[in-house]
């Protein structure tokens, strides 16, 4: 009975991303190809009686480099826009990787280190202005709610706390099958989840959202029940499991960055062999390693509707 309880508790526990008490300084080894939040600015304090328009922003990932290419695959980036009616100033708020998506999804295998080395952090970025053409041309820029300046200020305090405690990016949503209601093993933590959390906070503060369809990109892995393997020390430390450590590093090797065309094609074959033929995937989540016994269809990109939230408290609207 106790074993069953512990198992059930563990399955419930690792569904959620871990929160931290502070954000660590990035290791100098981790370098971004594109600077994080280059025009960032502090979130302004609005006048309580200001009326703030809230916009849903969505565009293809890496549109600045590939145009609408990833938009055809419904691989979209999400953000939120704000417009003050008193000052007529616009603002953009988004959450994304400090060192690009690849570094958040797979580690570096450094020769001088026994354990895989992760360059994984995500953070909120706030800046003045909304690039209308960026969001409208291949994506979405649509009004979803109107809030008071006081409500905006309370949201800003929450954003600061959320940003200081939710610091790591997680690409994958892992569940047992594509069927509705299937067992969810691990939840992603990405740009869309930040937008959804912010909408939920605004609804909690009293915001009324419009009744419009809102869809979001999710990248799924499908597996049987995961097996807990241990943390970095227990797997890769002096008394760790050397066979397991070698298997994990062998799995991650084909995902290394900066490959030539020939190396990339060879890596694709190695990844296919590991994930599809041998049905293996090693996941690093909440600083712990897990083995995923992969199942058909193995991986899938979806563009799912997640409705805008309902107003939670009709006494705190501030409007």
Protein backbone atom coordinates (compact mmCIF):
# COMPACT_ATOMS: atom_id res chain seq x y z
CA UNK A 1 0.00 0.00 0.00
CA UNK A 2 2.82 2.41 0.94
CA UNK A 3 4.68 1.59 -2.30
CA UNK A 4 1.55 2.30 -4.33
CA UNK A 5 1.06 5.62 -2.54
CA UNK A 6 4.66 6.69 -3.16
CA UNK A 7 4.38 5.76 -6.83
CA UNK A 8 1.15 7.70 -7.24
CA UNK A 9 2.64 10.69 -5.40
CA UNK A 10 5.72 10.64 -7.63
CA UNK A 11 3.62 10.57 -10.80
CA UNK A 12 1.57 13.52 -9.59
CA UNK A 13 4.67 15.41 -8.41
CA UNK A 14 6.72 15.37 -11.59
CA UNK A 15 3.82 16.65 -13.67
CA UNK A 16 4.77 20.18 -12.61
CA UNK A 17 7.83 22.29 -13.35
CA UNK A 18 9.89 23.09 -10.25
CA UNK A 19 10.00 26.63 -8.86
CA UNK A 20 13.21 28.15 -7.50
CA UNK A 21 14.02 30.78 -4.88
CA UNK A 22 16.30 32.79 -7.18
CA UNK A 23 17.64 32.97 -10.73
CA UNK A 24 21.30 31.86 -11.02
CA UNK A 25 23.83 33.76 -13.10
CA UNK A 26 24.34 32.09 -16.52
CA UNK A 27 27.62 30.25 -17.01
CA UNK A 28 29.99 32.23 -19.33
CA UNK A 29 30.25 29.10 -21.49
CA UNK A 30 26.63 29.66 -22.57
CA UNK A 31 26.52 32.15 -25.41
CA UNK A 32 23.45 33.27 -27.35
CA UNK A 33 23.64 33.58 -31.12
CA UNK A 34 20.92 36.23 -30.89
CA UNK A 35 21.01 38.57 -27.89
CA UNK A 36 18.22 38.04 -25.39
CA UNK A 37 15.81 40.98 -25.01
CA UNK A 38 18.09 43.58 -26.67
CA UNK A 39 15.63 46.49 -26.27
CA UNK A 40 14.22 45.44 -22.89
CA UNK A 41 12.94 48.03 -20.42
CA UNK A 42 11.36 48.03 -16.95
CA UNK A 43 7.61 47.50 -16.77
CA UNK A 44 6.08 50.98 -16.22
CA UNK A 45 3.70 51.87 -13.42
CA UNK A 46 0.35 52.84 -14.91
CA UNK A 47 -2.15 55.27 -13.42
CA UNK A 48 -4.95 53.35 -11.70
CA UNK A 49 -7.64 54.97 -13.87
CA UNK A 50 -5.82 54.25 -17.14
CA UNK A 51 -7.55 51.87 -19.55
CA UNK A 52 -5.14 49.26 -20.93
CA UNK A 53 -5.91 47.24 -24.03
CA UNK A 54 -4.51 43.68 -24.01
CA UNK A 55 -3.56 42.03 -27.30
CA UNK A 56 -2.85 38.46 -28.24
CA UNK A 57 0.34 38.30 -30.30
CA UNK A 58 1.45 35.25 -32.29
CA UNK A 59 3.90 34.76 -35.16
CA UNK A 60 5.96 31.92 -36.66
CA UNK A 61 9.06 30.98 -34.67
CA UNK A 62 12.22 32.58 -36.12
CA UNK A 63 10.17 34.60 -38.61
CA UNK A 64 12.99 37.17 -38.76
CA UNK A 65 15.18 34.47 -40.33
CA UNK A 66 12.83 32.04 -42.11
CA UNK A 67 9.72 34.11 -42.81
CA UNK A 68 6.52 32.05 -42.72
CA UNK A 69 8.29 28.69 -43.19
CA UNK A 70 7.64 27.42 -39.65
CA UNK A 71 4.20 29.00 -39.73
CA UNK A 72 3.17 26.39 -42.30
CA UNK A 73 4.03 23.77 -39.68
CA UNK A 74 2.11 25.75 -37.03
CA UNK A 75 5.28 26.25 -34.96
CA UNK A 76 4.34 29.58 -33.43
CA UNK A 77 5.73 31.99 -30.85
CA UNK A 78 3.34 33.71 -28.43
CA UNK A 79 3.47 37.06 -26.67
CA UNK A 80 1.19 39.71 -25.17
CA UNK A 81 0.75 43.33 -26.20
CA UNK A 82 -0.51 46.27 -24.13
CA UNK A 83 -1.70 49.75 -25.10
CA UNK A 84 -2.24 52.60 -22.64
CA UNK A 85 -5.12 54.84 -23.70
CA UNK A 86 -3.80 57.69 -21.52
CA UNK A 87 -0.29 57.78 -22.97
CA UNK A 88 -1.06 55.97 -26.27
CA UNK A 89 2.12 53.96 -25.74
CA UNK A 90 2.32 50.30 -26.79
CA UNK A 91 4.29 47.53 -25.07
CA UNK A 92 5.26 43.93 -25.82
CA UNK A 93 5.82 41.21 -23.20
CA UNK A 94 7.11 37.74 -24.03
CA UNK A 95 8.97 34.82 -22.45
CA UNK A 96 11.63 32.86 -24.29
CA UNK A 97 15.03 31.14 -24.14
CA UNK A 98 18.16 33.04 -23.16
CA UNK A 99 20.38 30.85 -25.36
CA UNK A 100 18.00 29.72 -28.13
CA UNK A 101 15.80 26.65 -28.32
CA UNK A 102 18.47 24.04 -29.09
CA UNK A 103 20.42 24.81 -25.92
CA UNK A 104 17.28 24.51 -23.82
CA UNK A 105 16.33 21.17 -25.36
CA UNK A 106 19.66 19.33 -25.54
CA UNK A 107 22.95 19.61 -23.61
CA UNK A 108 26.55 20.19 -24.61
CA UNK A 109 28.91 17.25 -24.20
CA UNK A 110 32.10 18.98 -23.04
CA UNK A 111 35.25 16.79 -23.06
CA UNK A 112 36.45 18.19 -19.72
CA UNK A 113 33.15 17.32 -17.98
CA UNK A 114 31.74 13.91 -17.22
CA UNK A 115 28.11 15.05 -17.08
CA UNK A 116 26.17 16.72 -19.90
CA UNK A 117 26.30 20.51 -19.58
CA UNK A 118 23.02 22.44 -19.96
CA UNK A 119 22.65 26.04 -21.14
CA UNK A 120 19.01 26.29 -20.24
CA UNK A 121 17.22 29.36 -18.98
CA UNK A 122 14.08 31.17 -20.09
CA UNK A 123 12.92 34.60 -18.96
CA UNK A 124 10.39 37.35 -19.52
CA UNK A 125 11.21 40.27 -21.79
CA UNK A 126 9.27 43.56 -21.70
CA UNK A 127 9.88 46.46 -24.07
CA UNK A 128 8.13 49.51 -25.45
CA UNK A 129 6.43 49.22 -28.82
CA UNK A 130 4.56 46.57 -30.79
CA UNK A 131 5.95 45.56 -34.20
CA UNK A 132 2.60 45.44 -35.99
CA UNK A 133 3.95 44.06 -39.25
CA UNK A 134 5.82 41.24 -37.48
CA UNK A 135 2.68 39.97 -35.75
CA UNK A 136 0.08 40.75 -38.43
CA UNK A 137 1.83 39.57 -41.61
CA UNK A 138 1.96 35.83 -40.85
CA UNK A 139 0.37 35.64 -37.42
CA UNK A 140 -2.05 37.32 -35.05
CA UNK A 141 -2.52 40.70 -33.41
CA UNK A 142 -5.97 40.85 -31.86
CA UNK A 143 -7.56 42.60 -28.87
CA UNK A 144 -8.52 40.05 -26.20
CA UNK A 145 -9.33 42.16 -23.13
CA UNK A 146 -9.41 45.63 -21.59
CA UNK A 147 -8.10 46.18 -18.05
CA UNK A 148 -7.48 49.06 -15.66
CA UNK A 149 -4.08 50.56 -14.93
CA UNK A 150 -4.35 49.25 -11.37
CA UNK A 151 -4.91 45.74 -12.63
CA UNK A 152 -1.91 46.08 -14.94
CA UNK A 153 0.27 47.13 -11.99
CA UNK A 154 -0.81 44.10 -9.96
CA UNK A 155 -0.08 41.87 -12.92
CA UNK A 156 3.39 43.43 -13.24
CA UNK A 157 4.22 42.47 -9.63
CA UNK A 158 3.13 38.90 -10.37
CA UNK A 159 5.26 38.80 -13.56
CA UNK A 160 8.36 39.75 -11.54
CA UNK A 161 7.73 36.93 -9.05
CA UNK A 162 6.90 34.42 -11.79
CA UNK A 163 10.04 35.35 -13.71
CA UNK A 164 12.32 35.00 -10.68
CA UNK A 165 11.05 31.55 -9.70
CA UNK A 166 10.25 29.85 -13.04
CA UNK A 167 13.63 29.97 -14.71
CA UNK A 168 14.09 26.92 -16.93
CA UNK A 169 12.66 26.27 -20.39
CA UNK A 170 11.07 22.90 -21.18
CA UNK A 171 10.33 22.05 -24.81
CA UNK A 172 8.49 18.76 -24.46
CA UNK A 173 5.03 17.77 -23.32
CA UNK A 174 5.21 14.03 -22.59
CA UNK A 175 2.14 11.84 -22.39
CA UNK A 176 1.01 8.26 -22.92
CA UNK A 177 -0.81 8.72 -26.26
CA UNK A 178 -2.41 11.36 -28.49
CA UNK A 179 -5.86 10.45 -27.17
CA UNK A 180 -7.79 13.02 -25.17
CA UNK A 181 -7.46 12.33 -21.45
CA UNK A 182 -4.27 10.26 -21.85
CA UNK A 183 -1.89 10.14 -18.89
CA UNK A 184 0.28 13.27 -18.85
CA UNK A 185 3.81 12.57 -17.63
CA UNK A 186 5.63 15.90 -18.06
CA UNK A 187 4.40 19.39 -18.88
CA UNK A 188 6.20 21.88 -21.12
CA UNK A 189 7.27 25.32 -19.90
CA UNK A 190 7.64 27.72 -22.79
CA UNK A 191 6.44 30.99 -24.33
CA UNK A 192 2.83 29.86 -24.68
CA UNK A 193 2.68 28.68 -21.07
CA UNK A 194 3.82 32.13 -19.92
CA UNK A 195 1.06 33.76 -21.97
CA UNK A 196 -1.53 31.34 -20.58
CA UNK A 197 -0.34 31.94 -17.00
CA UNK A 198 -0.58 35.70 -17.54
CA UNK A 199 -4.11 35.42 -18.95
CA UNK A 200 -5.10 33.31 -15.93
CA UNK A 201 -3.64 35.93 -13.57
CA UNK A 202 -5.52 38.73 -15.33
CA UNK A 203 -8.75 36.70 -15.10
CA UNK A 204 -8.05 36.17 -11.39
CA UNK A 205 -7.69 39.95 -11.04
CA UNK A 206 -11.05 40.46 -12.75
CA UNK A 207 -10.33 40.79 -16.48
CA UNK A 208 -13.10 39.91 -18.92
CA UNK A 209 -11.75 38.17 -22.03
CA UNK A 210 -13.41 38.17 -25.42
CA UNK A 211 -14.90 34.95 -26.79
CA UNK A 212 -12.45 34.23 -29.60
CA UNK A 213 -10.58 31.08 -30.63
CA UNK A 214 -6.98 30.88 -29.42
CA UNK A 215 -4.61 28.11 -30.51
CA UNK A 216 -1.10 27.26 -29.32
CA UNK A 217 1.80 25.12 -30.51
CA UNK A 218 2.74 22.07 -28.46
CA UNK A 219 5.46 19.52 -29.14
CA UNK A 220 4.55 16.08 -27.79
CA UNK A 221 6.60 13.01 -27.02
CA UNK A 222 4.61 9.80 -26.52
CA UNK A 223 5.88 7.19 -24.11
CA UNK A 224 4.95 4.53 -21.62
CA UNK A 225 5.42 5.20 -17.92
CA UNK A 226 8.78 6.97 -17.40
CA UNK A 227 11.53 5.46 -15.27
CA UNK A 228 13.37 7.69 -12.83
CA UNK A 229 17.15 7.40 -13.31
CA UNK A 230 18.61 9.91 -10.85
CA UNK A 231 20.15 13.36 -10.75
CA UNK A 232 23.51 14.50 -12.14
CA UNK A 233 25.46 13.38 -9.08
CA UNK A 234 23.86 9.95 -8.73
CA UNK A 235 24.25 9.18 -12.43
CA UNK A 236 27.52 10.90 -13.39
CA UNK A 237 29.27 11.32 -10.01
CA UNK A 238 32.18 9.22 -8.67
CA UNK A 239 29.83 6.48 -7.46
CA UNK A 240 27.41 6.81 -10.36
CA UNK A 241 26.24 4.22 -12.85
CA UNK A 242 28.90 4.34 -15.56
CA UNK A 243 26.89 2.19 -18.00
CA UNK A 244 23.85 4.45 -17.66
CA UNK A 245 25.98 7.60 -17.90
CA UNK A 246 27.49 6.36 -21.15
CA UNK A 247 24.05 5.48 -22.56
CA UNK A 248 22.72 8.98 -21.81
CA UNK A 249 25.71 10.71 -23.41
CA UNK A 250 25.50 8.40 -26.42
CA UNK A 251 21.83 9.36 -26.83
CA UNK A 252 22.58 13.10 -26.70
CA UNK A 253 25.62 12.97 -28.98
CA UNK A 254 23.71 13.28 -32.32
CA UNK A 255 22.01 16.45 -31.08
CA UNK A 256 25.25 18.43 -30.79
CA UNK A 257 25.28 21.90 -32.46
CA UNK A 258 27.17 23.26 -35.47
CA UNK A 259 27.05 20.17 -37.70
CA UNK A 260 28.03 19.97 -41.35
CA UNK A 261 25.38 18.77 -43.81
CA UNK A 262 26.90 15.28 -43.85
CA UNK A 263 27.08 15.16 -40.04
CA UNK A 264 23.49 16.43 -39.77
CA UNK A 265 22.13 13.70 -42.04
CA UNK A 266 24.07 11.05 -40.14
CA UNK A 267 22.76 12.43 -36.87
CA UNK A 268 19.17 12.21 -38.13
CA UNK A 269 19.69 8.52 -38.83
CA UNK A 270 21.13 8.00 -35.34
CA UNK A 271 18.20 9.85 -33.74
CA UNK A 272 15.69 7.82 -35.77
CA UNK A 273 17.41 4.62 -34.71
CA UNK A 274 17.33 5.56 -31.02
CA UNK A 275 13.82 7.04 -30.81
CA UNK A 276 11.85 5.03 -33.36
CA UNK A 277 13.70 1.72 -33.80
CA UNK A 278 14.91 1.23 -30.22
CA UNK A 279 12.14 3.41 -28.74
CA UNK A 280 14.40 5.22 -26.29
CA UNK A 281 14.47 8.81 -25.09
CA UNK A 282 16.38 10.31 -22.16
CA UNK A 283 14.68 13.37 -20.67
CA UNK A 284 16.25 15.90 -18.29
CA UNK A 285 13.48 17.51 -16.23
CA UNK A 286 13.69 19.37 -12.91
CA UNK A 287 17.40 18.48 -12.72
CA UNK A 288 16.63 14.78 -12.91
CA UNK A 289 17.10 12.22 -15.66
CA UNK A 290 14.22 10.03 -16.83
CA UNK A 291 14.00 7.20 -19.33
CA UNK A 292 11.03 7.33 -21.72
CA UNK A 293 9.98 4.05 -23.39
CA UNK A 294 8.78 5.67 -26.61
CA UNK A 295 5.49 4.71 -28.28
CA UNK A 296 3.94 5.38 -31.69
CA UNK A 297 3.54 8.07 -33.03
CA UNK A 298 6.68 9.00 -31.00
CA UNK A 299 6.60 12.76 -31.62
CA UNK A 300 3.96 15.17 -32.85
CA UNK A 301 3.56 18.93 -33.26
CA UNK A 302 0.00 20.10 -32.57
CA UNK A 303 -1.78 23.44 -32.80
CA UNK A 304 -4.40 23.09 -30.09
CA UNK A 305 -7.20 25.38 -29.05
CA UNK A 306 -6.96 26.49 -25.43
CA UNK A 307 -9.81 28.90 -24.63
CA UNK A 308 -9.27 32.26 -23.01
CA UNK A 309 -10.04 32.10 -19.28
CA UNK A 310 -13.25 33.16 -17.60
CA UNK A 311 -13.24 36.03 -15.17
CA UNK A 312 -12.47 34.69 -11.70
CA UNK A 313 -13.51 37.56 -9.43
CA UNK A 314 -16.11 40.14 -10.33
CA UNK A 315 -15.25 42.39 -7.38
CA UNK A 316 -11.67 43.16 -8.43
CA UNK A 317 -12.09 44.37 -11.99
CA UNK A 318 -10.95 47.91 -11.21
CA UNK A 319 -12.92 49.18 -14.24
